[in-house]
């Protein structure tokens, strides 16, 4: 019997806020289950597994790195200004109405 998993709350190109630190960034990948290594605290992994949440790879504003965060640790952020990250142009072509646009092949 398959376990129901609701659709992701966030999508690629959406700006989100990390509840724990207040930092924010843009979603570049959505995973339906944990796909990271052991660096994520086990409690966060366990809670996400119990509630069936998705995991998100995020480029953090003002940083040179990204983060891999569970859905329950994120909030939506209505962004009015673009984030600053050196890898942003590798994933997106622009920013409009609070969302990033993916490159079209």
N, C-alpha and C. Protein backbone atom coordinates (compact mmCIF):
# COMPACT_ATOMS: atom_id res chain seq x y z
N UNK A 1 0.84 -1.19 0.00
CA UNK A 1 0.00 0.00 0.00
C UNK A 1 0.88 1.24 0.00
N UNK A 2 0.65 2.15 -0.92
CA UNK A 2 1.42 3.38 -1.03
C UNK A 2 0.99 4.38 0.04
N UNK A 3 1.95 5.13 0.54
CA UNK A 3 1.68 6.17 1.52
C UNK A 3 1.46 7.47 0.77
N UNK A 4 0.37 8.15 1.12
CA UNK A 4 0.06 9.43 0.47
C UNK A 4 1.05 10.50 0.91
N UNK A 5 1.57 11.22 -0.06
CA UNK A 5 2.42 12.36 0.24
C UNK A 5 1.82 13.57 -0.45
N UNK A 6 1.49 14.60 0.31
CA UNK A 6 0.92 15.79 -0.32
C UNK A 6 1.93 16.43 -1.28
N UNK A 7 1.45 17.25 -2.19
CA UNK A 7 2.38 17.93 -3.09
C UNK A 7 3.30 18.88 -2.33
N UNK A 8 4.44 19.24 -2.90
CA UNK A 8 5.34 20.16 -2.21
C UNK A 8 4.68 21.52 -1.98
N UNK A 9 5.02 22.14 -0.86
CA UNK A 9 4.49 23.47 -0.54
C UNK A 9 5.19 24.56 -1.35
N UNK A 10 6.43 24.29 -1.77
CA UNK A 10 7.23 25.29 -2.47
C UNK A 10 7.68 24.73 -3.80
N UNK A 11 8.05 25.61 -4.73
CA UNK A 11 8.48 25.17 -6.05
C UNK A 11 9.80 25.83 -6.42
N UNK A 12 10.43 25.28 -7.43
CA UNK A 12 11.68 25.84 -7.93
C UNK A 12 11.42 27.28 -8.36
N UNK A 13 12.31 28.18 -7.92
CA UNK A 13 12.18 29.59 -8.24
C UNK A 13 11.50 30.42 -7.18
N UNK A 14 10.93 29.77 -6.18
CA UNK A 14 10.24 30.48 -5.11
C UNK A 14 11.22 30.85 -4.00
N UNK A 15 11.04 32.04 -3.43
CA UNK A 15 11.88 32.50 -2.33
C UNK A 15 11.25 32.04 -1.02
N UNK A 16 12.07 31.44 -0.15
CA UNK A 16 11.60 30.91 1.13
C UNK A 16 12.47 31.42 2.27
N UNK A 17 11.93 31.31 3.49
CA UNK A 17 12.66 31.72 4.70
C UNK A 17 12.85 30.51 5.59
N UNK A 18 14.07 30.35 6.10
CA UNK A 18 14.40 29.26 7.03
C UNK A 18 14.00 29.72 8.43
N UNK A 19 13.04 29.05 9.03
CA UNK A 19 12.48 29.45 10.33
C UNK A 19 13.52 29.58 11.43
N UNK A 20 14.45 28.66 11.46
CA UNK A 20 15.43 28.60 12.54
C UNK A 20 16.34 29.82 12.60
N UNK A 21 16.79 30.30 11.44
CA UNK A 21 17.76 31.40 11.42
C UNK A 21 17.20 32.69 10.84
N UNK A 22 16.08 32.62 10.14
CA UNK A 22 15.53 33.80 9.49
C UNK A 22 16.18 34.10 8.15
N UNK A 23 17.19 33.31 7.77
CA UNK A 23 17.83 33.52 6.48
C UNK A 23 16.88 33.12 5.36
N UNK A 24 17.12 33.63 4.17
CA UNK A 24 16.24 33.30 3.06
C UNK A 24 17.04 33.01 1.80
N UNK A 25 16.36 32.38 0.87
CA UNK A 25 16.99 32.00 -0.38
C UNK A 25 15.97 31.52 -1.38
N UNK A 26 16.46 31.03 -2.51
CA UNK A 26 15.58 30.58 -3.58
C UNK A 26 15.73 29.07 -3.77
N UNK A 27 14.60 28.40 -3.97
CA UNK A 27 14.57 26.95 -4.18
C UNK A 27 15.12 26.62 -5.56
N UNK A 28 16.11 25.70 -5.61
CA UNK A 28 16.64 25.26 -6.91
C UNK A 28 16.34 23.79 -7.19
N UNK A 29 15.91 23.02 -6.17
CA UNK A 29 15.55 21.62 -6.37
C UNK A 29 14.60 21.16 -5.27
N UNK A 30 13.66 20.30 -5.64
CA UNK A 30 12.71 19.72 -4.69
C UNK A 30 12.85 18.21 -4.73
N UNK A 31 13.04 17.59 -3.55
CA UNK A 31 13.10 16.13 -3.44
C UNK A 31 11.91 15.64 -2.63
N UNK A 32 11.34 14.52 -3.03
CA UNK A 32 10.18 13.99 -2.32
C UNK A 32 10.54 13.32 -1.00
N UNK A 33 11.83 12.99 -0.83
CA UNK A 33 12.31 12.43 0.44
C UNK A 33 13.77 12.84 0.60
N UNK A 34 14.32 12.59 1.76
CA UNK A 34 15.68 13.01 2.07
C UNK A 34 16.69 12.36 1.13
N UNK A 35 17.54 13.16 0.51
CA UNK A 35 18.54 12.67 -0.44
C UNK A 35 19.94 13.18 -0.09
N UNK A 36 20.11 13.69 1.11
CA UNK A 36 21.38 14.26 1.51
C UNK A 36 22.27 13.28 2.24
N UNK A 37 23.30 13.81 2.86
CA UNK A 37 24.22 12.98 3.62
C UNK A 37 23.90 13.10 5.11
N UNK A 38 24.80 12.67 5.93
CA UNK A 38 24.56 12.65 7.38
C UNK A 38 24.75 14.00 8.06
N UNK A 39 24.99 15.07 7.31
CA UNK A 39 25.23 16.37 7.95
C UNK A 39 23.95 17.02 8.47
N UNK A 40 22.79 16.59 7.96
CA UNK A 40 21.53 17.14 8.47
C UNK A 40 21.22 16.46 9.79
N UNK A 41 20.86 17.24 10.81
CA UNK A 41 20.54 16.63 12.11
C UNK A 41 19.48 15.55 12.00
N UNK A 42 19.72 14.46 12.72
CA UNK A 42 18.79 13.31 12.66
C UNK A 42 17.37 13.68 13.08
N UNK A 43 17.21 14.60 14.03
CA UNK A 43 15.88 14.99 14.47
C UNK A 43 15.11 15.61 13.30
N UNK A 44 15.76 16.48 12.53
CA UNK A 44 15.10 17.10 11.39
C UNK A 44 14.72 16.05 10.36
N UNK A 45 15.58 15.07 10.13
CA UNK A 45 15.26 13.98 9.20
C UNK A 45 14.06 13.19 9.70
N UNK A 46 14.05 12.86 10.99
CA UNK A 46 12.97 12.06 11.57
C UNK A 46 11.63 12.78 11.49
N UNK A 47 11.60 14.05 11.84
CA UNK A 47 10.35 14.81 11.79
C UNK A 47 9.84 14.89 10.37
N UNK A 48 10.73 15.15 9.42
CA UNK A 48 10.32 15.23 8.02
C UNK A 48 9.77 13.89 7.54
N UNK A 49 10.39 12.79 7.94
CA UNK A 49 9.90 11.47 7.55
C UNK A 49 8.52 11.20 8.13
N UNK A 50 8.28 11.61 9.36
CA UNK A 50 6.99 11.37 10.01
C UNK A 50 5.89 12.16 9.34
N UNK A 51 6.14 13.44 9.05
CA UNK A 51 5.10 14.27 8.45
C UNK A 51 5.06 14.16 6.94
N UNK A 52 6.02 13.43 6.36
CA UNK A 52 6.02 13.22 4.92
C UNK A 52 6.42 14.43 4.12
N UNK A 53 7.22 15.29 4.69
CA UNK A 53 7.59 16.52 4.00
C UNK A 53 8.66 16.34 2.93
N UNK A 54 8.71 17.27 2.05
CA UNK A 54 9.71 17.31 0.99
C UNK A 54 10.98 17.97 1.51
N UNK A 55 12.04 17.86 0.72
CA UNK A 55 13.33 18.50 1.02
C UNK A 55 13.69 19.43 -0.12
N UNK A 56 14.35 20.54 0.22
CA UNK A 56 14.62 21.59 -0.75
C UNK A 56 16.09 21.99 -0.74
N UNK A 57 16.66 22.08 -1.93
CA UNK A 57 18.00 22.65 -2.06
C UNK A 57 17.80 24.13 -2.34
N UNK A 58 18.49 24.96 -1.56
CA UNK A 58 18.27 26.40 -1.60
C UNK A 58 19.60 27.13 -1.76
N UNK A 59 19.60 28.17 -2.60
CA UNK A 59 20.72 29.10 -2.66
C UNK A 59 20.42 30.21 -1.67
N UNK A 60 21.28 30.40 -0.68
CA UNK A 60 21.04 31.37 0.37
C UNK A 60 21.48 32.78 -0.03
N UNK A 61 20.68 33.75 0.32
CA UNK A 61 20.96 35.14 0.01
C UNK A 61 22.22 35.61 0.73
N UNK A 62 23.11 36.25 -0.02
CA UNK A 62 24.32 36.82 0.55
C UNK A 62 25.38 35.81 0.91
N UNK A 63 25.23 34.57 0.49
CA UNK A 63 26.19 33.51 0.83
C UNK A 63 26.84 32.98 -0.44
N UNK A 64 27.89 32.19 -0.24
CA UNK A 64 28.57 31.53 -1.36
C UNK A 64 28.25 30.04 -1.39
N UNK A 65 27.26 29.63 -0.65
CA UNK A 65 26.89 28.22 -0.54
C UNK A 65 25.38 28.10 -0.52
N UNK A 66 24.91 26.87 -0.51
CA UNK A 66 23.48 26.60 -0.44
C UNK A 66 23.16 25.83 0.82
N UNK A 67 21.92 25.37 0.90
CA UNK A 67 21.47 24.61 2.06
C UNK A 67 20.48 23.56 1.59
N UNK A 68 20.35 22.49 2.37
CA UNK A 68 19.40 21.42 2.08
C UNK A 68 18.49 21.33 3.30
N UNK A 69 17.22 21.71 3.13
CA UNK A 69 16.33 21.94 4.27
C UNK A 69 15.02 21.19 4.09
N UNK A 70 14.48 20.69 5.19
CA UNK A 70 13.19 20.00 5.14
C UNK A 70 12.05 21.02 5.05
N UNK A 71 10.96 20.57 4.48
CA UNK A 71 9.81 21.43 4.25
C UNK A 71 9.27 22.06 5.54
N UNK A 72 9.24 21.28 6.61
CA UNK A 72 8.65 21.80 7.84
C UNK A 72 9.47 22.95 8.44
N UNK A 73 10.72 23.12 8.00
CA UNK A 73 11.58 24.17 8.53
C UNK A 73 11.51 25.46 7.72
N UNK A 74 10.65 25.50 6.69
CA UNK A 74 10.59 26.65 5.80
C UNK A 74 9.25 27.36 5.84
N UNK A 75 9.28 28.65 5.55
CA UNK A 75 8.08 29.47 5.37
C UNK A 75 8.17 30.16 4.02
N UNK A 76 7.03 30.47 3.46
CA UNK A 76 6.98 31.25 2.22
C UNK A 76 7.41 32.67 2.53
N UNK A 77 8.07 33.30 1.58
CA UNK A 77 8.50 34.68 1.73
C UNK A 77 8.09 35.44 0.48
N UNK A 78 7.34 36.51 0.65
CA UNK A 78 6.94 37.34 -0.49
C UNK A 78 8.08 38.31 -0.78
N UNK A 79 8.95 37.90 -1.69
CA UNK A 79 10.14 38.69 -2.00
C UNK A 79 9.82 39.81 -2.98
N UNK A 80 10.39 40.97 -2.73
CA UNK A 80 10.23 42.10 -3.65
C UNK A 80 11.55 42.46 -4.31
N UNK A 81 12.64 41.97 -3.75
CA UNK A 81 13.96 42.21 -4.34
C UNK A 81 14.66 40.87 -4.54
N UNK A 82 15.49 40.77 -5.58
CA UNK A 82 16.20 39.51 -5.83
C UNK A 82 17.25 39.23 -4.77
N UNK A 83 17.56 37.95 -4.60
CA UNK A 83 18.62 37.57 -3.67
C UNK A 83 19.97 37.77 -4.36
N UNK A 84 21.02 37.74 -3.57
CA UNK A 84 22.39 37.86 -4.09
C UNK A 84 23.11 36.54 -3.84
N UNK A 85 23.46 35.86 -4.92
CA UNK A 85 24.21 34.60 -4.82
C UNK A 85 24.99 34.41 -6.11
N UNK A 86 26.27 34.03 -6.02
CA UNK A 86 27.09 33.92 -7.22
C UNK A 86 26.65 32.84 -8.22
N UNK A 87 25.88 31.85 -7.80
CA UNK A 87 25.45 30.77 -8.69
C UNK A 87 24.04 30.99 -9.25
N UNK A 88 23.41 32.08 -8.92
CA UNK A 88 22.02 32.34 -9.30
C UNK A 88 21.81 32.25 -10.82
N UNK A 89 22.72 32.83 -11.59
CA UNK A 89 22.56 32.85 -13.05
C UNK A 89 22.72 31.47 -13.69
N UNK A 90 23.24 30.50 -12.95
CA UNK A 90 23.34 29.14 -13.48
C UNK A 90 21.98 28.43 -13.49
N UNK A 91 21.06 28.92 -12.67
CA UNK A 91 19.75 28.27 -12.53
C UNK A 91 18.60 29.09 -13.11
N UNK A 92 18.74 30.41 -13.06
CA UNK A 92 17.60 31.27 -13.42
C UNK A 92 17.99 32.37 -14.38
N UNK A 93 17.00 32.78 -15.18
CA UNK A 93 17.24 33.83 -16.18
C UNK A 93 16.74 35.19 -15.72
N UNK A 94 15.88 35.23 -14.71
CA UNK A 94 15.35 36.52 -14.27
C UNK A 94 14.51 36.41 -13.01
N UNK A 95 14.09 37.56 -12.51
CA UNK A 95 13.29 37.67 -11.30
C UNK A 95 12.16 38.64 -11.58
N UNK A 96 10.91 38.17 -11.41
CA UNK A 96 9.76 39.02 -11.67
C UNK A 96 8.59 38.59 -10.79
N UNK A 97 7.92 39.56 -10.21
CA UNK A 97 6.75 39.30 -9.35
C UNK A 97 7.06 38.31 -8.23
N UNK A 98 8.27 38.40 -7.66
CA UNK A 98 8.63 37.56 -6.52
C UNK A 98 9.07 36.15 -6.84
N UNK A 99 9.16 35.81 -8.12
CA UNK A 99 9.58 34.46 -8.53
C UNK A 99 10.73 34.53 -9.51
N UNK A 100 11.58 33.51 -9.46
CA UNK A 100 12.67 33.38 -10.42
C UNK A 100 12.20 32.54 -11.59
N UNK A 101 12.65 32.91 -12.79
CA UNK A 101 12.34 32.16 -14.02
C UNK A 101 13.51 31.27 -14.37
N UNK A 102 13.21 30.02 -14.69
CA UNK A 102 14.25 29.08 -15.12
C UNK A 102 14.69 29.40 -16.54
N UNK A 103 15.93 29.01 -16.83
CA UNK A 103 16.41 29.12 -18.19
C UNK A 103 15.60 28.19 -19.08
N UNK A 104 15.27 28.63 -20.26
CA UNK A 104 14.54 27.81 -21.22
C UNK A 104 15.54 27.28 -22.23
N UNK A 105 15.56 25.96 -22.41
CA UNK A 105 16.49 25.34 -23.37
C UNK A 105 15.93 25.36 -24.77
